[in-house]
């Protein structure tokens, strides 16, 4: 079975474990397993969206979720009553960490 560099770059083992101080400071993976043939810029490009999305869950900054998710995002495990598309995760995040909401 051939593993693609994209798959390896997005395999964030122990997922993202630290929080961010602000939306501009994205969380960093505690462990990142990636294809060593990837350039630093390619690796940064491949991990930007997951880092933005994880920082959104840590901070509640919806701009980060909107930047990370495609307008055509589809949640294949969508619970009943939740909006499909990028608005679904925004809706789902509302009960979490209300101290971050502005």
PDB file of N, CA and C in Angstrom:
ATOM      1  N   UNK A   1       0.844  -1.180   0.000  1.00  0.00           N
ATOM      2  CA  UNK A   1       0.000   0.000   0.000  1.00  0.00           C
ATOM      3  C   UNK A   1       0.880   1.230   0.000  1.00  0.00           C
ATOM      4  N   UNK A   2       0.670   2.111  -0.939  1.00  0.00           N
ATOM      5  CA  UNK A   2       1.461   3.335  -1.054  1.00  0.00           C
ATOM      6  C   UNK A   2       0.799   4.438  -0.243  1.00  0.00           C
ATOM      7  N   UNK A   3       1.582   5.114   0.587  1.00  0.00           N
ATOM      8  CA  UNK A   3       1.070   6.209   1.397  1.00  0.00           C
ATOM      9  C   UNK A   3       1.480   7.524   0.750  1.00  0.00           C
ATOM     10  N   UNK A   4       0.545   8.431   0.582  1.00  0.00           N
ATOM     11  CA  UNK A   4       0.848   9.708  -0.058  1.00  0.00           C
ATOM     12  C   UNK A   4       1.440  10.686   0.943  1.00  0.00           C
ATOM     13  N   UNK A   5       2.269  11.641   0.478  1.00  0.00           N
ATOM     14  CA  UNK A   5       2.820  12.654   1.377  1.00  0.00           C
ATOM     15  C   UNK A   5       1.728  13.447   2.103  1.00  0.00           C
ATOM     16  N   UNK A   6       0.619  13.730   1.406  1.00  0.00           N
ATOM     17  CA  UNK A   6      -0.467  14.476   2.030  1.00  0.00           C
ATOM     18  C   UNK A   6      -1.017  13.719   3.229  1.00  0.00           C
ATOM     19  N   UNK A   7      -1.249  12.429   3.056  1.00  0.00           N
ATOM     20  CA  UNK A   7      -1.771  11.625   4.153  1.00  0.00           C
ATOM     21  C   UNK A   7      -0.814  11.644   5.339  1.00  0.00           C
ATOM     22  N   UNK A   8       0.460  11.499   5.066  1.00  0.00           N
ATOM     23  CA  UNK A   8       1.442  11.515   6.156  1.00  0.00           C
ATOM     24  C   UNK A   8       1.517  12.876   6.826  1.00  0.00           C
ATOM     25  N   UNK A   9       1.451  13.929   6.047  1.00  0.00           N
ATOM     26  CA  UNK A   9       1.554  15.269   6.615  1.00  0.00           C
ATOM     27  C   UNK A   9       0.366  15.579   7.501  1.00  0.00           C
ATOM     28  N   UNK A  10      -0.780  15.022   7.167  1.00  0.00           N
ATOM     29  CA  UNK A  10      -1.974  15.323   7.952  1.00  0.00           C
ATOM     30  C   UNK A  10      -2.183  14.352   9.107  1.00  0.00           C
ATOM     31  N   UNK A  11      -1.320  13.358   9.206  1.00  0.00           N
ATOM     32  CA  UNK A  11      -1.419  12.418  10.317  1.00  0.00           C
ATOM     33  C   UNK A  11      -0.783  13.069  11.538  1.00  0.00           C
ATOM     34  N   UNK A  12      -1.535  13.840  12.231  1.00  0.00           N
ATOM     35  CA  UNK A  12      -1.020  14.547  13.401  1.00  0.00           C
ATOM     36  C   UNK A  12      -1.207  13.640  14.611  1.00  0.00           C
ATOM     37  N   UNK A  13      -0.164  12.908  14.922  1.00  0.00           N
ATOM     38  CA  UNK A  13      -0.254  11.990  16.034  1.00  0.00           C
ATOM     39  C   UNK A  13      -0.369  12.787  17.317  1.00  0.00           C
ATOM     40  N   UNK A  14      -1.187  12.319  18.204  1.00  0.00           N
ATOM     41  CA  UNK A  14      -1.512  13.012  19.447  1.00  0.00           C
ATOM     42  C   UNK A  14      -2.214  14.325  19.138  1.00  0.00           C
ATOM     43  N   UNK A  15      -2.806  14.374  18.013  1.00  0.00           N
ATOM     44  CA  UNK A  15      -3.390  15.538  17.351  1.00  0.00           C
ATOM     45  C   UNK A  15      -2.731  16.796  17.865  1.00  0.00           C
ATOM     46  N   UNK A  16      -3.338  17.886  17.898  1.00  0.00           N
ATOM     47  CA  UNK A  16      -2.682  19.120  18.283  1.00  0.00           C
ATOM     48  C   UNK A  16      -2.910  19.284  19.790  1.00  0.00           C
ATOM     49  N   UNK A  17      -1.821  19.412  20.552  1.00  0.00           N
ATOM     50  CA  UNK A  17      -1.958  19.365  21.998  1.00  0.00           C
ATOM     51  C   UNK A  17      -1.808  20.648  22.760  1.00  0.00           C
ATOM     52  N   UNK A  18      -1.429  21.734  22.115  1.00  0.00           N
ATOM     53  CA  UNK A  18      -1.250  22.969  22.871  1.00  0.00           C
ATOM     54  C   UNK A  18      -2.247  24.000  22.411  1.00  0.00           C
ATOM     55  N   UNK A  19      -2.550  24.950  23.265  1.00  0.00           N
ATOM     56  CA  UNK A  19      -3.496  25.992  22.890  1.00  0.00           C
ATOM     57  C   UNK A  19      -2.757  27.222  22.399  1.00  0.00           C
ATOM     58  N   UNK A  20      -3.506  28.121  21.794  1.00  0.00           N
ATOM     59  CA  UNK A  20      -2.912  29.332  21.242  1.00  0.00           C
ATOM     60  C   UNK A  20      -3.275  30.529  22.086  1.00  0.00           C
ATOM     61  N   UNK A  21      -2.386  31.495  22.124  1.00  0.00           N
ATOM     62  CA  UNK A  21      -2.632  32.717  22.869  1.00  0.00           C
ATOM     63  C   UNK A  21      -3.552  33.645  22.084  1.00  0.00           C
ATOM     64  N   UNK A  22      -3.515  33.591  20.763  1.00  0.00           N
ATOM     65  CA  UNK A  22      -4.367  34.434  19.942  1.00  0.00           C
ATOM     66  C   UNK A  22      -4.623  33.738  18.615  1.00  0.00           C
ATOM     67  N   UNK A  23      -5.559  34.313  17.840  1.00  0.00           N
ATOM     68  CA  UNK A  23      -5.877  33.722  16.539  1.00  0.00           C
ATOM     69  C   UNK A  23      -4.682  33.776  15.603  1.00  0.00           C
ATOM     70  N   UNK A  24      -3.805  34.760  15.763  1.00  0.00           N
ATOM     71  CA  UNK A  24      -2.645  34.875  14.901  1.00  0.00           C
ATOM     72  C   UNK A  24      -1.586  33.823  15.240  1.00  0.00           C
ATOM     73  N   UNK A  25      -1.598  33.330  16.441  1.00  0.00           N
ATOM     74  CA  UNK A  25      -0.642  32.304  16.869  1.00  0.00           C
ATOM     75  C   UNK A  25      -1.354  30.962  16.823  1.00  0.00           C
ATOM     76  N   UNK A  26      -1.145  30.221  15.761  1.00  0.00           N
ATOM     77  CA  UNK A  26      -1.817  28.937  15.592  1.00  0.00           C
ATOM     78  C   UNK A  26      -1.167  27.877  16.455  1.00  0.00           C
ATOM     79  N   UNK A  27      -1.983  26.937  16.909  1.00  0.00           N
ATOM     80  CA  UNK A  27      -1.449  25.830  17.683  1.00  0.00           C
ATOM     81  C   UNK A  27      -0.442  25.057  16.855  1.00  0.00           C
ATOM     82  N   UNK A  28       0.483  24.439  17.523  1.00  0.00           N
ATOM     83  CA  UNK A  28       1.522  23.632  16.888  1.00  0.00           C
ATOM     84  C   UNK A  28       1.301  22.172  17.269  1.00  0.00           C
ATOM     85  N   UNK A  29       1.544  21.272  16.344  1.00  0.00           N
ATOM     86  CA  UNK A  29       1.408  19.858  16.693  1.00  0.00           C
ATOM     87  C   UNK A  29       2.492  19.457  17.684  1.00  0.00           C
ATOM     88  N   UNK A  30       2.138  18.606  18.634  1.00  0.00           N
ATOM     89  CA  UNK A  30       3.146  18.086  19.550  1.00  0.00           C
ATOM     90  C   UNK A  30       3.997  17.041  18.840  1.00  0.00           C
ATOM     91  N   UNK A  31       3.391  16.339  17.899  1.00  0.00           N
ATOM     92  CA  UNK A  31       4.104  15.366  17.079  1.00  0.00           C
ATOM     93  C   UNK A  31       3.543  15.458  15.672  1.00  0.00           C
ATOM     94  N   UNK A  32       4.424  15.521  14.702  1.00  0.00           N
ATOM     95  CA  UNK A  32       3.991  15.574  13.312  1.00  0.00           C
ATOM     96  C   UNK A  32       4.761  14.509  12.537  1.00  0.00           C
ATOM     97  N   UNK A  33       4.020  13.604  11.954  1.00  0.00           N
ATOM     98  CA  UNK A  33       4.629  12.554  11.146  1.00  0.00           C
ATOM     99  C   UNK A  33       4.423  12.947   9.694  1.00  0.00           C
ATOM    100  N   UNK A  34       5.532  13.168   8.982  1.00  0.00           N
ATOM    101  CA  UNK A  34       5.423  13.639   7.608  1.00  0.00           C
ATOM    102  C   UNK A  34       6.489  12.989   6.741  1.00  0.00           C
ATOM    103  N   UNK A  35       6.227  12.974   5.478  1.00  0.00           N
ATOM    104  CA  UNK A  35       7.171  12.478   4.492  1.00  0.00           C
ATOM    105  C   UNK A  35       8.391  13.400   4.501  1.00  0.00           C
ATOM    106  N   UNK A  36       9.557  12.856   4.724  1.00  0.00           N
ATOM    107  CA  UNK A  36      10.776  13.659   4.814  1.00  0.00           C
ATOM    108  C   UNK A  36      11.160  14.280   3.475  1.00  0.00           C
ATOM    109  N   UNK A  37      10.542  13.845   2.389  1.00  0.00           N
ATOM    110  CA  UNK A  37      10.824  14.429   1.082  1.00  0.00           C
ATOM    111  C   UNK A  37      10.098  15.749   0.864  1.00  0.00           C
ATOM    112  N   UNK A  38       9.150  16.072   1.730  1.00  0.00           N
ATOM    113  CA  UNK A  38       8.419  17.326   1.585  1.00  0.00           C
ATOM    114  C   UNK A  38       9.307  18.502   1.962  1.00  0.00           C
ATOM    115  N   UNK A  39       9.193  19.582   1.207  1.00  0.00           N
ATOM    116  CA  UNK A  39       9.924  20.796   1.564  1.00  0.00           C
ATOM    117  C   UNK A  39       9.243  21.432   2.773  1.00  0.00           C
ATOM    118  N   UNK A  40       9.963  22.304   3.430  1.00  0.00           N
ATOM    119  CA  UNK A  40       9.394  22.991   4.594  1.00  0.00           C
ATOM    120  C   UNK A  40       8.150  23.774   4.187  1.00  0.00           C
ATOM    121  N   UNK A  41       8.200  24.449   3.047  1.00  0.00           N
ATOM    122  CA  UNK A  41       7.038  25.233   2.615  1.00  0.00           C
ATOM    123  C   UNK A  41       5.853  24.333   2.263  1.00  0.00           C
ATOM    124  N   UNK A  42       6.116  23.174   1.668  1.00  0.00           N
ATOM    125  CA  UNK A  42       5.024  22.236   1.362  1.00  0.00           C
ATOM    126  C   UNK A  42       4.398  21.715   2.643  1.00  0.00           C
ATOM    127  N   UNK A  43       5.218  21.388   3.603  1.00  0.00           N
ATOM    128  CA  UNK A  43       4.714  20.889   4.881  1.00  0.00           C
ATOM    129  C   UNK A  43       3.876  21.958   5.592  1.00  0.00           C
ATOM    130  N   UNK A  44       4.366  23.185   5.583  1.00  0.00           N
ATOM    131  CA  UNK A  44       3.611  24.288   6.198  1.00  0.00           C
ATOM    132  C   UNK A  44       2.276  24.485   5.490  1.00  0.00           C
ATOM    133  N   UNK A  45       2.288  24.398   4.167  1.00  0.00           N
ATOM    134  CA  UNK A  45       1.067  24.552   3.393  1.00  0.00           C
ATOM    135  C   UNK A  45       0.061  23.446   3.704  1.00  0.00           C
ATOM    136  N   UNK A  46       0.535  22.207   3.804  1.00  0.00           N
ATOM    137  CA  UNK A  46      -0.343  21.066   4.078  1.00  0.00           C
ATOM    138  C   UNK A  46      -0.912  21.070   5.490  1.00  0.00           C
ATOM    139  N   UNK A  47      -0.220  21.677   6.424  1.00  0.00           N
ATOM    140  CA  UNK A  47      -0.684  21.657   7.812  1.00  0.00           C
ATOM    141  C   UNK A  47      -1.385  22.938   8.232  1.00  0.00           C
ATOM    142  N   UNK A  48      -1.438  23.940   7.358  1.00  0.00           N
ATOM    143  CA  UNK A  48      -2.050  25.215   7.730  1.00  0.00           C
ATOM    144  C   UNK A  48      -3.540  25.078   8.061  1.00  0.00           C
ATOM    145  N   UNK A  49      -4.305  24.433   7.195  1.00  0.00           N
ATOM    146  CA  UNK A  49      -5.750  24.296   7.441  1.00  0.00           C
ATOM    147  C   UNK A  49      -6.041  23.522   8.729  1.00  0.00           C
ATOM    148  N   UNK A  50      -5.388  22.369   8.969  1.00  0.00           N
ATOM    149  CA  UNK A  50      -5.655  21.679  10.236  1.00  0.00           C
ATOM    150  C   UNK A  50      -5.269  22.513  11.463  1.00  0.00           C
ATOM    151  N   UNK A  51      -4.191  23.269  11.366  1.00  0.00           N
ATOM    152  CA  UNK A  51      -3.777  24.115  12.495  1.00  0.00           C
ATOM    153  C   UNK A  51      -4.783  25.241  12.725  1.00  0.00           C
ATOM    154  N   UNK A  52      -5.297  25.822  11.648  1.00  0.00           N
ATOM    155  CA  UNK A  52      -6.326  26.865  11.789  1.00  0.00           C
ATOM    156  C   UNK A  52      -7.584  26.275  12.432  1.00  0.00           C
ATOM    157  N   UNK A  53      -7.988  25.100  11.949  1.00  0.00           N
ATOM    158  CA  UNK A  53      -9.214  24.478  12.461  1.00  0.00           C
ATOM    159  C   UNK A  53      -9.070  24.107  13.933  1.00  0.00           C
ATOM    160  N   UNK A  54      -7.923  23.576  14.311  1.00  0.00           N
ATOM    161  CA  UNK A  54      -7.715  23.232  15.713  1.00  0.00           C
ATOM    162  C   UNK A  54      -7.650  24.481  16.580  1.00  0.00           C
ATOM    163  N   UNK A  55      -7.030  25.529  16.089  1.00  0.00           N
ATOM    164  CA  UNK A  55      -6.977  26.782  16.845  1.00  0.00           C
ATOM    165  C   UNK A  55      -8.376  27.351  17.020  1.00  0.00           C
ATOM    166  N   UNK A  56      -9.221  27.202  16.015  1.00  0.00           N
ATOM    167  CA  UNK A  56     -10.631  27.612  16.141  1.00  0.00           C
ATOM    168  C   UNK A  56     -11.279  26.910  17.323  1.00  0.00           C
ATOM    169  N   UNK A  57     -11.076  25.595  17.454  1.00  0.00           N
ATOM    170  CA  UNK A  57     -11.688  24.858  18.561  1.00  0.00           C
ATOM    171  C   UNK A  57     -11.106  25.265  19.908  1.00  0.00           C
ATOM    172  N   UNK A  58      -9.868  25.733  19.919  1.00  0.00           N
ATOM    173  CA  UNK A  58      -9.257  26.194  21.169  1.00  0.00           C
ATOM    174  C   UNK A  58      -9.675  27.611  21.540  1.00  0.00           C
ATOM    175  N   UNK A  59      -9.914  28.458  20.549  1.00  0.00           N
ATOM    176  CA  UNK A  59     -10.172  29.876  20.817  1.00  0.00           C
ATOM    177  C   UNK A  59     -11.593  30.315  20.564  1.00  0.00           C
ATOM    178  N   UNK A  60     -12.296  29.603  19.688  1.00  0.00           N
ATOM    179  CA  UNK A  60     -13.637  30.019  19.306  1.00  0.00           C
ATOM    180  C   UNK A  60     -13.644  31.065  18.202  1.00  0.00           C
ATOM    181  N   UNK A  61     -12.490  31.377  17.627  1.00  0.00           N
ATOM    182  CA  UNK A  61     -12.400  32.381  16.573  1.00  0.00           C
ATOM    183  C   UNK A  61     -12.927  31.786  15.266  1.00  0.00           C
ATOM    184  N   UNK A  62     -14.144  32.164  14.904  1.00  0.00           N
ATOM    185  CA  UNK A  62     -14.805  31.589  13.735  1.00  0.00           C
ATOM    186  C   UNK A  62     -14.093  31.925  12.432  1.00  0.00           C
ATOM    187  N   UNK A  63     -13.336  33.004  12.396  1.00  0.00           N
ATOM    188  CA  UNK A  63     -12.586  33.344  11.177  1.00  0.00           C
ATOM    189  C   UNK A  63     -11.636  32.215  10.802  1.00  0.00           C
ATOM    190  N   UNK A  64     -11.078  31.554  11.808  1.00  0.00           N
ATOM    191  CA  UNK A  64     -10.141  30.463  11.549  1.00  0.00           C
ATOM    192  C   UNK A  64     -10.836  29.248  10.956  1.00  0.00           C
ATOM    193  N   UNK A  65     -12.027  28.933  11.443  1.00  0.00           N
ATOM    194  CA  UNK A  65     -12.779  27.809  10.877  1.00  0.00           C
ATOM    195  C   UNK A  65     -13.166  28.119   9.438  1.00  0.00           C
ATOM    196  N   UNK A  66     -13.586  29.345   9.189  1.00  0.00           N
ATOM    197  CA  UNK A  66     -13.982  29.726   7.833  1.00  0.00           C
ATOM    198  C   UNK A  66     -12.788  29.690   6.885  1.00  0.00           C
ATOM    199  N   UNK A  67     -11.608  30.031   7.389  1.00  0.00           N
ATOM    200  CA  UNK A  67     -10.396  29.980   6.561  1.00  0.00           C
ATOM    201  C   UNK A  67      -9.954  28.539   6.324  1.00  0.00           C
ATOM    202  N   UNK A  68     -10.231  27.652   7.278  1.00  0.00           N
ATOM    203  CA  UNK A  68      -9.768  26.262   7.180  1.00  0.00           C
ATOM    204  C   UNK A  68     -10.699  25.379   6.356  1.00  0.00           C
ATOM    205  N   UNK A  69     -11.995  25.650   6.409  1.00  0.00           N
ATOM    206  CA  UNK A  69     -12.969  24.774   5.762  1.00  0.00           C
ATOM    207  C   UNK A  69     -13.383  25.306   4.395  1.00  0.00           C
ATOM    208  N   UNK A  70     -13.481  24.412   3.445  1.00  0.00           N
ATOM    209  CA  UNK A  70     -13.944  24.764   2.110  1.00  0.00           C
ATOM    210  C   UNK A  70     -15.415  25.168   2.174  1.00  0.00           C
ATOM    211  N   UNK A  71     -15.836  26.090   1.312  1.00  0.00           N
ATOM    212  CA  UNK A  71     -17.264  26.424   1.254  1.00  0.00           C
ATOM    213  C   UNK A  71     -18.128  25.203   0.904  1.00  0.00           C
ATOM    214  N   UNK A  72     -17.510  24.190   0.309  1.00  0.00           N
ATOM    215  CA  UNK A  72     -18.250  22.975  -0.051  1.00  0.00           C
ATOM    216  C   UNK A  72     -18.007  21.846   0.951  1.00  0.00           C
ATOM    217  N   UNK A  73     -17.523  22.184   2.149  1.00  0.00           N
ATOM    218  CA  UNK A  73     -17.267  21.200   3.203  1.00  0.00           C
ATOM    219  C   UNK A  73     -18.518  20.366   3.460  1.00  0.00           C
ATOM    220  N   UNK A  74     -18.335  19.057   3.564  1.00  0.00           N
ATOM    221  CA  UNK A  74     -19.432  18.132   3.872  1.00  0.00           C
ATOM    222  C   UNK A  74     -19.035  17.318   5.090  1.00  0.00           C
ATOM    223  N   UNK A  75     -19.904  17.328   6.089  1.00  0.00           N
ATOM    224  CA  UNK A  75     -19.697  16.527   7.296  1.00  0.00           C
ATOM    225  C   UNK A  75     -20.423  15.199   7.085  1.00  0.00           C
ATOM    226  N   UNK A  76     -19.651  14.128   6.992  1.00  0.00           N
ATOM    227  CA  UNK A  76     -20.251  12.811   6.742  1.00  0.00           C
ATOM    228  C   UNK A  76     -20.782  12.151   8.011  1.00  0.00           C
ATOM    229  N   UNK A  77     -20.619  12.798   9.146  1.00  0.00           N
ATOM    230  CA  UNK A  77     -21.151  12.274  10.411  1.00  0.00           C
ATOM    231  C   UNK A  77     -22.063  13.315  11.053  1.00  0.00           C
ATOM    232  N   UNK A  78     -22.772  14.017  10.227  1.00  0.00           N
ATOM    233  CA  UNK A  78     -23.616  15.132  10.667  1.00  0.00           C
ATOM    234  C   UNK A  78     -24.748  14.662  11.578  1.00  0.00           C
ATOM    235  N   UNK A  79     -24.800  15.194  12.808  1.00  0.00           N
ATOM    236  CA  UNK A  79     -25.920  14.840  13.687  1.00  0.00           C
ATOM    237  C   UNK A  79     -27.225  15.489  13.207  1.00  0.00           C
ATOM    238  N   UNK A  80     -28.317  14.890  13.567  1.00  0.00           N
ATOM    239  CA  UNK A  80     -29.632  15.410  13.189  1.00  0.00           C
ATOM    240  C   UNK A  80     -29.783  16.838  13.730  1.00  0.00           C
ATOM    241  N   UNK A  81     -30.264  17.718  12.878  1.00  0.00           N
ATOM    242  CA  UNK A  81     -30.514  19.089  13.288  1.00  0.00           C
ATOM    243  C   UNK A  81     -29.360  20.052  13.043  1.00  0.00           C
ATOM    244  N   UNK A  82     -28.206  19.541  12.677  1.00  0.00           N
ATOM    245  CA  UNK A  82     -27.059  20.426  12.420  1.00  0.00           C
ATOM    246  C   UNK A  82     -26.987  20.776  10.950  1.00  0.00           C
ATOM    247  N   UNK A  83     -26.666  22.020  10.674  1.00  0.00           N
ATOM    248  CA  UNK A  83     -26.547  22.529   9.321  1.00  0.00           C
ATOM    249  C   UNK A  83     -25.353  21.905   8.613  1.00  0.00           C
ATOM    250  N   UNK A  84     -25.552  21.502   7.367  1.00  0.00           N
ATOM    251  CA  UNK A  84     -24.458  20.967   6.563  1.00  0.00           C
ATOM    252  C   UNK A  84     -23.583  22.118   6.079  1.00  0.00           C
ATOM    253  N   UNK A  85     -22.331  21.849   5.818  1.00  0.00           N
ATOM    254  CA  UNK A  85     -21.403  22.861   5.331  1.00  0.00           C
ATOM    255  C   UNK A  85     -20.601  23.483   6.457  1.00  0.00           C
ATOM    256  N   UNK A  86     -19.859  24.537   6.154  1.00  0.00           N
ATOM    257  CA  UNK A  86     -19.000  25.170   7.152  1.00  0.00           C
ATOM    258  C   UNK A  86     -19.755  25.732   8.362  1.00  0.00           C
ATOM    259  N   UNK A  87     -21.033  26.044   8.187  1.00  0.00           N
ATOM    260  CA  UNK A  87     -21.800  26.572   9.319  1.00  0.00           C
ATOM    261  C   UNK A  87     -22.069  25.519  10.391  1.00  0.00           C
ATOM    262  N   UNK A  88     -22.018  24.230  10.014  1.00  0.00           N
ATOM    263  CA  UNK A  88     -22.258  23.155  10.983  1.00  0.00           C
ATOM    264  C   UNK A  88     -21.268  23.158  12.133  1.00  0.00           C
ATOM    265  N   UNK A  89     -19.957  23.155  11.866  1.00  0.00           N
ATOM    266  CA  UNK A  89     -18.992  23.215  12.964  1.00  0.00           C
ATOM    267  C   UNK A  89     -19.095  24.512  13.784  1.00  0.00           C
ATOM    268  N   UNK A  90     -19.445  25.612  13.120  1.00  0.00           N
ATOM    269  CA  UNK A  90     -19.614  26.863  13.862  1.00  0.00           C
ATOM    270  C   UNK A  90     -20.763  26.728  14.855  1.00  0.00           C
ATOM    271  N   UNK A  91     -21.848  26.111  14.403  1.00  0.00           N
ATOM    272  CA  UNK A  91     -22.996  25.868  15.278  1.00  0.00           C
ATOM    273  C   UNK A  91     -22.608  24.912  16.417  1.00  0.00           C
ATOM    274  N   UNK A  92     -21.885  23.873  16.071  1.00  0.00           N
ATOM    275  CA  UNK A  92     -21.490  22.872  17.063  1.00  0.00           C
ATOM    276  C   UNK A  92     -20.560  23.442  18.120  1.00  0.00           C
ATOM    277  N   UNK A  93     -19.787  24.450  17.774  1.00  0.00           N
ATOM    278  CA  UNK A  93     -18.817  24.999  18.716  1.00  0.00           C
ATOM    279  C   UNK A  93     -19.431  25.938  19.738  1.00  0.00           C
ATOM    280  N   UNK A  94     -20.630  26.405  19.505  1.00  0.00           N
ATOM    281  CA  UNK A  94     -21.244  27.416  20.386  1.00  0.00           C
ATOM    282  C   UNK A  94     -21.271  27.024  21.864  1.00  0.00           C
ATOM    283  N   UNK A  95     -21.601  25.783  22.232  1.00  0.00           N
ATOM    284  CA  UNK A  95     -21.644  25.451  23.653  1.00  0.00           C
ATOM    285  C   UNK A  95     -20.278  25.329  24.315  1.00  0.00           C
ATOM    286  N   UNK A  96     -19.206  25.244  23.525  1.00  0.00           N
ATOM    287  CA  UNK A  96     -17.884  25.036  24.071  1.00  0.00           C
ATOM    288  C   UNK A  96     -17.188  26.364  24.372  1.00  0.00           C
ATOM    289  N   UNK A  97     -16.461  26.379  25.460  1.00  0.00           N
ATOM    290  CA  UNK A  97     -15.599  27.497  25.838  1.00  0.00           C
ATOM    291  C   UNK A  97     -16.245  28.865  25.611  1.00  0.00           C
ATOM    292  N   UNK A  98     -17.371  29.135  26.259  1.00  0.00           N
ATOM    293  CA  UNK A  98     -18.035  30.418  26.045  1.00  0.00           C
ATOM    294  C   UNK A  98     -17.184  31.631  26.451  1.00  0.00           C
ATOM    295  N   UNK A  99     -16.190  31.429  27.284  1.00  0.00           N
ATOM    296  CA  UNK A  99     -15.340  32.547  27.686  1.00  0.00           C
ATOM    297  C   UNK A  99     -14.543  33.108  26.510  1.00  0.00           C
ATOM    298  N   UNK A 100     -14.441  32.353  25.409  1.00  0.00           N
ATOM    299  CA  UNK A 100     -13.707  32.820  24.235  1.00  0.00           C
ATOM    300  C   UNK A 100     -14.596  33.593  23.281  1.00  0.00           C
ATOM    301  N   UNK A 101     -15.899  33.516  23.465  1.00  0.00           N
ATOM    302  CA  UNK A 101     -16.818  34.173  22.528  1.00  0.00           C
ATOM    303  C   UNK A 101     -16.842  35.671  22.784  1.00  0.00           C
ATOM    304  N   UNK A 102     -16.874  36.415  21.699  1.00  0.00           N
ATOM    305  CA  UNK A 102     -16.920  37.878  21.827  1.00  0.00           C
ATOM    306  C   UNK A 102     -18.307  38.399  21.598  1.00  0.00           C
TER     307      UNK A 102
END
